[in-house]
Amino acid sequence: MIKTFTRNDIFRFLYGEMTGAEEDEFRMSLTSDNDLREDLQDFQTLKEDMEKTMISPPERTINSILEFSRNYNVKSIGR
């Protein structure tokens, strides 16, 4: 039986969240399903573009937050 893969499955594949058997089945489908291959390529490009635009706060901002937390004895939830 041929499995139909969803967009969610494509994202799970891109982020390494499939089991070995699922990944094998996905890879097999890529050999014969042009639409799946094109969708994978589109989502891979989207993922790469998103990763390029990710930014982190400046170190001084992180230190200010940590200092505030220490000064006001802020506790983590659940600890």
PDB file of N, CA and C in Angstrom:
ATOM      1  N   MET A   1       0.840  -1.178   0.000  1.00  0.00           N
ATOM      2  CA  MET A   1       0.000   0.000   0.000  1.00  0.00           C
ATOM      3  C   MET A   1       0.889   1.246   0.000  1.00  0.00           C
ATOM      4  N   ILE A   2       0.527   2.214  -0.812  1.00  0.00           N
ATOM      5  CA  ILE A   2       1.285   3.453  -0.914  1.00  0.00           C
ATOM      6  C   ILE A   2       0.701   4.461   0.069  1.00  0.00           C
ATOM      7  N   LYS A   3       1.561   5.015   0.892  1.00  0.00           N
ATOM      8  CA  LYS A   3       1.133   5.994   1.886  1.00  0.00           C
ATOM      9  C   LYS A   3       1.158   7.390   1.260  1.00  0.00           C
ATOM     10  N   THR A   4       0.158   8.176   1.585  1.00  0.00           N
ATOM     11  CA  THR A   4       0.130   9.567   1.179  1.00  0.00           C
ATOM     12  C   THR A   4       0.731  10.394   2.311  1.00  0.00           C
ATOM     13  N   PHE A   5       1.750  11.165   1.986  1.00  0.00           N
ATOM     14  CA  PHE A   5       2.408  11.984   2.997  1.00  0.00           C
ATOM     15  C   PHE A   5       1.823  13.392   2.997  1.00  0.00           C
ATOM     16  N   THR A   6       1.739  13.972   4.175  1.00  0.00           N
ATOM     17  CA  THR A   6       1.184  15.311   4.359  1.00  0.00           C
ATOM     18  C   THR A   6       2.312  16.323   4.516  1.00  0.00           C
ATOM     19  N   ARG A   7       1.922  17.593   4.558  1.00  0.00           N
ATOM     20  CA  ARG A   7       2.912  18.646   4.824  1.00  0.00           C
ATOM     21  C   ARG A   7       3.555  18.435   6.191  1.00  0.00           C
ATOM     22  N   ASN A   8       2.762  18.003   7.143  1.00  0.00           N
ATOM     23  CA  ASN A   8       3.294  17.725   8.474  1.00  0.00           C
ATOM     24  C   ASN A   8       4.389  16.659   8.398  1.00  0.00           C
ATOM     25  N   ASP A   9       4.173  15.642   7.572  1.00  0.00           N
ATOM     26  CA  ASP A   9       5.188  14.597   7.402  1.00  0.00           C
ATOM     27  C   ASP A   9       6.472  15.172   6.803  1.00  0.00           C
ATOM     28  N   ILE A  10       6.320  16.102   5.860  1.00  0.00           N
ATOM     29  CA  ILE A  10       7.504  16.721   5.245  1.00  0.00           C
ATOM     30  C   ILE A  10       8.305  17.473   6.305  1.00  0.00           C
ATOM     31  N   PHE A  11       7.614  18.222   7.153  1.00  0.00           N
ATOM     32  CA  PHE A  11       8.315  18.942   8.225  1.00  0.00           C
ATOM     33  C   PHE A  11       8.957  17.977   9.212  1.00  0.00           C
ATOM     34  N   ARG A  12       8.264  16.896   9.535  1.00  0.00           N
ATOM     35  CA  ARG A  12       8.847  15.899  10.440  1.00  0.00           C
ATOM     36  C   ARG A  12      10.108  15.310   9.829  1.00  0.00           C
ATOM     37  N   PHE A  13      10.111  15.083   8.523  1.00  0.00           N
ATOM     38  CA  PHE A  13      11.288  14.568   7.837  1.00  0.00           C
ATOM     39  C   PHE A  13      12.428  15.590   7.900  1.00  0.00           C
ATOM     40  N   LEU A  14      12.111  16.855   7.583  1.00  0.00           N
ATOM     41  CA  LEU A  14      13.140  17.905   7.580  1.00  0.00           C
ATOM     42  C   LEU A  14      13.787  18.104   8.942  1.00  0.00           C
ATOM     43  N   TYR A  15      13.012  17.913  10.004  1.00  0.00           N
ATOM     44  CA  TYR A  15      13.530  18.142  11.358  1.00  0.00           C
ATOM     45  C   TYR A  15      13.926  16.847  12.064  1.00  0.00           C
ATOM     46  N   GLY A  16      14.017  15.747  11.308  1.00  0.00           N
ATOM     47  CA  GLY A  16      14.492  14.490  11.868  1.00  0.00           C
ATOM     48  C   GLY A  16      13.588  13.893  12.928  1.00  0.00           C
ATOM     49  N   GLU A  17      12.270  14.054  12.777  1.00  0.00           N
ATOM     50  CA  GLU A  17      11.322  13.583  13.778  1.00  0.00           C
ATOM     51  C   GLU A  17      10.589  12.307  13.365  1.00  0.00           C
ATOM     52  N   MET A  18      11.011  11.680  12.278  1.00  0.00           N
ATOM     53  CA  MET A  18      10.385  10.435  11.839  1.00  0.00           C
ATOM     54  C   MET A  18      11.142   9.243  12.423  1.00  0.00           C
ATOM     55  N   THR A  19      10.435   8.144  12.593  1.00  0.00           N
ATOM     56  CA  THR A  19      11.116   6.901  12.964  1.00  0.00           C
ATOM     57  C   THR A  19      11.908   6.427  11.752  1.00  0.00           C
ATOM     58  N   GLY A  20      12.791   5.491  11.958  1.00  0.00           N
ATOM     59  CA  GLY A  20      13.581   4.956  10.854  1.00  0.00           C
ATOM     60  C   GLY A  20      12.716   4.377   9.753  1.00  0.00           C
ATOM     61  N   ALA A  21      11.674   3.634  10.137  1.00  0.00           N
ATOM     62  CA  ALA A  21      10.780   3.022   9.147  1.00  0.00           C
ATOM     63  C   ALA A  21      10.011   4.081   8.373  1.00  0.00           C
ATOM     64  N   GLU A  22       9.540   5.120   9.080  1.00  0.00           N
ATOM     65  CA  GLU A  22       8.817   6.204   8.405  1.00  0.00           C
ATOM     66  C   GLU A  22       9.725   6.923   7.414  1.00  0.00           C
ATOM     67  N   GLU A  23      10.953   7.174   7.843  1.00  0.00           N
ATOM     68  CA  GLU A  23      11.900   7.868   6.976  1.00  0.00           C
ATOM     69  C   GLU A  23      12.208   7.045   5.737  1.00  0.00           C
ATOM     70  N   ASP A  24      12.366   5.747   5.920  1.00  0.00           N
ATOM     71  CA  ASP A  24      12.616   4.865   4.772  1.00  0.00           C
ATOM     72  C   ASP A  24      11.449   4.913   3.791  1.00  0.00           C
ATOM     73  N   GLU A  25      10.230   4.849   4.306  1.00  0.00           N
ATOM     74  CA  GLU A  25       9.037   4.892   3.466  1.00  0.00           C
ATOM     75  C   GLU A  25       8.929   6.252   2.757  1.00  0.00           C
ATOM     76  N   PHE A  26       9.255   7.310   3.470  1.00  0.00           N
ATOM     77  CA  PHE A  26       9.228   8.659   2.888  1.00  0.00           C
ATOM     78  C   PHE A  26      10.234   8.753   1.749  1.00  0.00           C
ATOM     79  N   ARG A  27      11.441   8.275   1.983  1.00  0.00           N
ATOM     80  CA  ARG A  27      12.484   8.327   0.956  1.00  0.00           C
ATOM     81  C   ARG A  27      12.078   7.518  -0.282  1.00  0.00           C
ATOM     82  N   MET A  28      11.432   6.383  -0.072  1.00  0.00           N
ATOM     83  CA  MET A  28      10.962   5.560  -1.195  1.00  0.00           C
ATOM     84  C   MET A  28       9.912   6.331  -2.000  1.00  0.00           C
ATOM     85  N   SER A  29       9.029   7.026  -1.297  1.00  0.00           N
ATOM     86  CA  SER A  29       7.989   7.798  -1.982  1.00  0.00           C
ATOM     87  C   SER A  29       8.589   8.929  -2.805  1.00  0.00           C
ATOM     88  N   LEU A  30       9.693   9.488  -2.324  1.00  0.00           N
ATOM     89  CA  LEU A  30      10.344  10.575  -3.060  1.00  0.00           C
ATOM     90  C   LEU A  30      10.813  10.127  -4.446  1.00  0.00           C
ATOM     91  N   THR A  31      11.133   8.855  -4.588  1.00  0.00           N
ATOM     92  CA  THR A  31      11.640   8.365  -5.873  1.00  0.00           C
ATOM     93  C   THR A  31      10.568   8.338  -6.958  1.00  0.00           C
ATOM     94  N   SER A  32       9.301   8.275  -6.544  1.00  0.00           N
ATOM     95  CA  SER A  32       8.234   8.158  -7.540  1.00  0.00           C
ATOM     96  C   SER A  32       7.195   9.274  -7.499  1.00  0.00           C
ATOM     97  N   ASP A  33       7.224  10.131  -6.491  1.00  0.00           N
ATOM     98  CA  ASP A  33       6.205  11.167  -6.332  1.00  0.00           C
ATOM     99  C   ASP A  33       6.820  12.547  -6.573  1.00  0.00           C
ATOM    100  N   ASN A  34       6.603  13.062  -7.779  1.00  0.00           N
ATOM    101  CA  ASN A  34       7.179  14.367  -8.140  1.00  0.00           C
ATOM    102  C   ASN A  34       6.640  15.494  -7.277  1.00  0.00           C
ATOM    103  N   ASP A  35       5.346  15.454  -6.955  1.00  0.00           N
ATOM    104  CA  ASP A  35       4.759  16.507  -6.122  1.00  0.00           C
ATOM    105  C   ASP A  35       5.383  16.521  -4.732  1.00  0.00           C
ATOM    106  N   LEU A  36       5.583  15.346  -4.158  1.00  0.00           N
ATOM    107  CA  LEU A  36       6.208  15.248  -2.840  1.00  0.00           C
ATOM    108  C   LEU A  36       7.631  15.794  -2.893  1.00  0.00           C
ATOM    109  N   ARG A  37       8.353  15.442  -3.943  1.00  0.00           N
ATOM    110  CA  ARG A  37       9.731  15.917  -4.103  1.00  0.00           C
ATOM    111  C   ARG A  37       9.776  17.444  -4.232  1.00  0.00           C
ATOM    112  N   GLU A  38       8.845  18.020  -5.011  1.00  0.00           N
ATOM    113  CA  GLU A  38       8.797  19.469  -5.162  1.00  0.00           C
ATOM    114  C   GLU A  38       8.425  20.154  -3.853  1.00  0.00           C
ATOM    115  N   ASP A  39       7.454  19.582  -3.127  1.00  0.00           N
ATOM    116  CA  ASP A  39       7.075  20.157  -1.831  1.00  0.00           C
ATOM    117  C   ASP A  39       8.242  20.111  -0.855  1.00  0.00           C
ATOM    118  N   LEU A  40       8.956  19.000  -0.824  1.00  0.00           N
ATOM    119  CA  LEU A  40      10.127  18.872   0.051  1.00  0.00           C
ATOM    120  C   LEU A  40      11.158  19.937  -0.294  1.00  0.00           C
ATOM    121  N   GLN A  41      11.396  20.122  -1.566  1.00  0.00           N
ATOM    122  CA  GLN A  41      12.376  21.124  -1.999  1.00  0.00           C
ATOM    123  C   GLN A  41      11.935  22.534  -1.576  1.00  0.00           C
ATOM    124  N   ASP A  42      10.643  22.835  -1.766  1.00  0.00           N
ATOM    125  CA  ASP A  42      10.119  24.147  -1.365  1.00  0.00           C
ATOM    126  C   ASP A  42      10.259  24.369   0.137  1.00  0.00           C
ATOM    127  N   PHE A  43       9.911  23.350   0.927  1.00  0.00           N
ATOM    128  CA  PHE A  43       9.976  23.495   2.378  1.00  0.00           C
ATOM    129  C   PHE A  43      11.414  23.537   2.870  1.00  0.00           C
ATOM    130  N   GLN A  44      12.314  22.833   2.188  1.00  0.00           N
ATOM    131  CA  GLN A  44      13.732  22.892   2.550  1.00  0.00           C
ATOM    132  C   GLN A  44      14.260  24.310   2.333  1.00  0.00           C
ATOM    133  N   THR A  45      13.878  24.920   1.215  1.00  0.00           N
ATOM    134  CA  THR A  45      14.282  26.299   0.938  1.00  0.00           C
ATOM    135  C   THR A  45      13.715  27.247   1.982  1.00  0.00           C
ATOM    136  N   LEU A  46      12.446  27.065   2.322  1.00  0.00           N
ATOM    137  CA  LEU A  46      11.806  27.886   3.348  1.00  0.00           C
ATOM    138  C   LEU A  46      12.522  27.745   4.689  1.00  0.00           C
ATOM    139  N   LYS A  47      12.845  26.513   5.071  1.00  0.00           N
ATOM    140  CA  LYS A  47      13.556  26.256   6.330  1.00  0.00           C
ATOM    141  C   LYS A  47      14.911  26.967   6.342  1.00  0.00           C
ATOM    142  N   GLU A  48      15.640  26.858   5.237  1.00  0.00           N
ATOM    143  CA  GLU A  48      16.950  27.501   5.149  1.00  0.00           C
ATOM    144  C   GLU A  48      16.827  29.020   5.230  1.00  0.00           C
ATOM    145  N   ASP A  49      15.823  29.584   4.558  1.00  0.00           N
ATOM    146  CA  ASP A  49      15.618  31.032   4.607  1.00  0.00           C
ATOM    147  C   ASP A  49      15.268  31.491   6.019  1.00  0.00           C
ATOM    148  N   MET A  50      14.425  30.728   6.712  1.00  0.00           N
ATOM    149  CA  MET A  50      14.050  31.080   8.079  1.00  0.00           C
ATOM    150  C   MET A  50      15.256  31.022   9.009  1.00  0.00           C
ATOM    151  N   GLU A  51      16.102  30.019   8.826  1.00  0.00           N
ATOM    152  CA  GLU A  51      17.281  29.887   9.680  1.00  0.00           C
ATOM    153  C   GLU A  51      18.264  31.030   9.463  1.00  0.00           C
ATOM    154  N   LYS A  52      18.308  31.573   8.261  1.00  0.00           N
ATOM    155  CA  LYS A  52      19.196  32.704   7.972  1.00  0.00           C
ATOM    156  C   LYS A  52      18.741  33.972   8.683  1.00  0.00           C
ATOM    157  N   THR A  53      17.431  34.096   8.900  1.00  0.00           N
ATOM    158  CA  THR A  53      16.895  35.324   9.479  1.00  0.00           C
ATOM    159  C   THR A  53      16.781  35.282  10.999  1.00  0.00           C
ATOM    160  N   MET A  54      17.061  34.144  11.606  1.00  0.00           N
ATOM    161  CA  MET A  54      16.957  34.042  13.061  1.00  0.00           C
ATOM    162  C   MET A  54      18.052  34.864  13.716  1.00  0.00           C
ATOM    163  N   ILE A  55      17.663  35.618  14.716  1.00  0.00           N
ATOM    164  CA  ILE A  55      18.631  36.443  15.430  1.00  0.00           C
ATOM    165  C   ILE A  55      18.566  36.127  16.920  1.00  0.00           C
ATOM    166  N   SER A  56      19.604  36.457  17.600  1.00  0.00           N
ATOM    167  CA  SER A  56      19.669  36.280  19.048  1.00  0.00           C
ATOM    168  C   SER A  56      19.827  37.647  19.691  1.00  0.00           C
ATOM    169  N   PRO A  57      19.321  37.780  20.919  1.00  0.00           N
ATOM    170  CA  PRO A  57      19.486  39.070  21.595  1.00  0.00           C
ATOM    171  C   PRO A  57      20.964  39.306  21.923  1.00  0.00           C
ATOM    172  N   PRO A  58      21.336  40.577  22.055  1.00  0.00           N
ATOM    173  CA  PRO A  58      22.718  40.885  22.428  1.00  0.00           C
ATOM    174  C   PRO A  58      23.047  40.305  23.816  1.00  0.00           C
ATOM    175  N   GLU A  59      24.283  39.993  24.013  1.00  0.00           N
ATOM    176  CA  GLU A  59      24.744  39.422  25.286  1.00  0.00           C
ATOM    177  C   GLU A  59      24.383  40.335  26.460  1.00  0.00           C
ATOM    178  N   ARG A  60      24.491  41.646  26.259  1.00  0.00           N
ATOM    179  CA  ARG A  60      24.180  42.576  27.352  1.00  0.00           C
ATOM    180  C   ARG A  60      22.709  42.492  27.760  1.00  0.00           C
ATOM    181  N   THR A  61      21.824  42.211  26.835  1.00  0.00           N
ATOM    182  CA  THR A  61      20.408  42.068  27.152  1.00  0.00           C
ATOM    183  C   THR A  61      20.189  40.823  28.006  1.00  0.00           C
ATOM    184  N   ILE A  62      20.813  39.741  27.626  1.00  0.00           N
ATOM    185  CA  ILE A  62      20.707  38.495  28.400  1.00  0.00           C
ATOM    186  C   ILE A  62      21.248  38.711  29.805  1.00  0.00           C
ATOM    187  N   ASN A  63      22.406  39.371  29.905  1.00  0.00           N
ATOM    188  CA  ASN A  63      23.000  39.634  31.219  1.00  0.00           C
ATOM    189  C   ASN A  63      22.111  40.532  32.073  1.00  0.00           C
ATOM    190  N   SER A  64      21.464  41.513  31.458  1.00  0.00           N
ATOM    191  CA  SER A  64      20.551  42.398  32.201  1.00  0.00           C
ATOM    192  C   SER A  64      19.373  41.615  32.770  1.00  0.00           C
ATOM    193  N   ILE A  65      18.827  40.722  31.989  1.00  0.00           N
ATOM    194  CA  ILE A  65      17.703  39.903  32.457  1.00  0.00           C
ATOM    195  C   ILE A  65      18.143  38.997  33.602  1.00  0.00           C
ATOM    196  N   LEU A  66      19.301  38.371  33.444  1.00  0.00           N
ATOM    197  CA  LEU A  66      19.810  37.494  34.502  1.00  0.00           C
ATOM    198  C   LEU A  66      20.104  38.283  35.773  1.00  0.00           C
ATOM    199  N   GLU A  67      20.664  39.471  35.642  1.00  0.00           N
ATOM    200  CA  GLU A  67      20.956  40.323  36.792  1.00  0.00           C
ATOM    201  C   GLU A  67      19.669  40.729  37.502  1.00  0.00           C
ATOM    202  N   PHE A  68      18.662  41.108  36.736  1.00  0.00           N
ATOM    203  CA  PHE A  68      17.358  41.460  37.301  1.00  0.00           C
ATOM    204  C   PHE A  68      16.807  40.277  38.090  1.00  0.00           C
ATOM    205  N   SER A  69      16.904  39.104  37.512  1.00  0.00           N
ATOM    206  CA  SER A  69      16.403  37.902  38.167  1.00  0.00           C
ATOM    207  C   SER A  69      17.132  37.651  39.486  1.00  0.00           C
ATOM    208  N   ARG A  70      18.442  37.805  39.480  1.00  0.00           N
ATOM    209  CA  ARG A  70      19.226  37.599  40.710  1.00  0.00           C
ATOM    210  C   ARG A  70      18.872  38.642  41.767  1.00  0.00           C
ATOM    211  N   ASN A  71      18.727  39.879  41.360  1.00  0.00           N
ATOM    212  CA  ASN A  71      18.432  40.965  42.302  1.00  0.00           C
ATOM    213  C   ASN A  71      17.057  40.849  42.937  1.00  0.00           C
ATOM    214  N   TYR A  72      16.121  40.328  42.214  1.00  0.00           N
ATOM    215  CA  TYR A  72      14.755  40.258  42.728  1.00  0.00           C
ATOM    216  C   TYR A  72      14.352  38.844  43.120  1.00  0.00           C
ATOM    217  N   ASN A  73      15.331  37.954  43.165  1.00  0.00           N
ATOM    218  CA  ASN A  73      15.115  36.586  43.621  1.00  0.00           C
ATOM    219  C   ASN A  73      13.941  35.922  42.887  1.00  0.00           C
ATOM    220  N   VAL A  74      13.907  36.101  41.567  1.00  0.00           N
ATOM    221  CA  VAL A  74      12.855  35.494  40.763  1.00  0.00           C
ATOM    222  C   VAL A  74      13.158  34.018  40.622  1.00  0.00           C
ATOM    223  N   LYS A  75      12.158  33.183  40.903  1.00  0.00           N
ATOM    224  CA  LYS A  75      12.336  31.730  40.841  1.00  0.00           C
ATOM    225  C   LYS A  75      11.687  31.176  39.589  1.00  0.00           C
ATOM    226  N   SER A  76      12.237  30.094  39.057  1.00  0.00           N
ATOM    227  CA  SER A  76      11.638  29.402  37.931  1.00  0.00           C
ATOM    228  C   SER A  76      10.360  28.719  38.368  1.00  0.00           C
ATOM    229  N   ILE A  77       9.409  28.637  37.475  1.00  0.00           N
ATOM    230  CA  ILE A  77       8.167  27.927  37.769  1.00  0.00           C
ATOM    231  C   ILE A  77       8.457  26.434  37.795  1.00  0.00           C
ATOM    232  N   GLY A  78       7.909  25.756  38.778  1.00  0.00           N
ATOM    233  CA  GLY A  78       8.060  24.304  38.859  1.00  0.00           C
ATOM    234  C   GLY A  78       9.323  23.845  39.556  1.00  0.00           C
ATOM    235  N   ARG A  79      10.024  24.718  40.155  1.00  0.00           N
ATOM    236  CA  ARG A  79      11.260  24.285  40.851  1.00  0.00           C
ATOM    237  C   ARG A  79      11.158  24.562  42.320  1.00  0.00           C
TER     238      ARG A  79
END
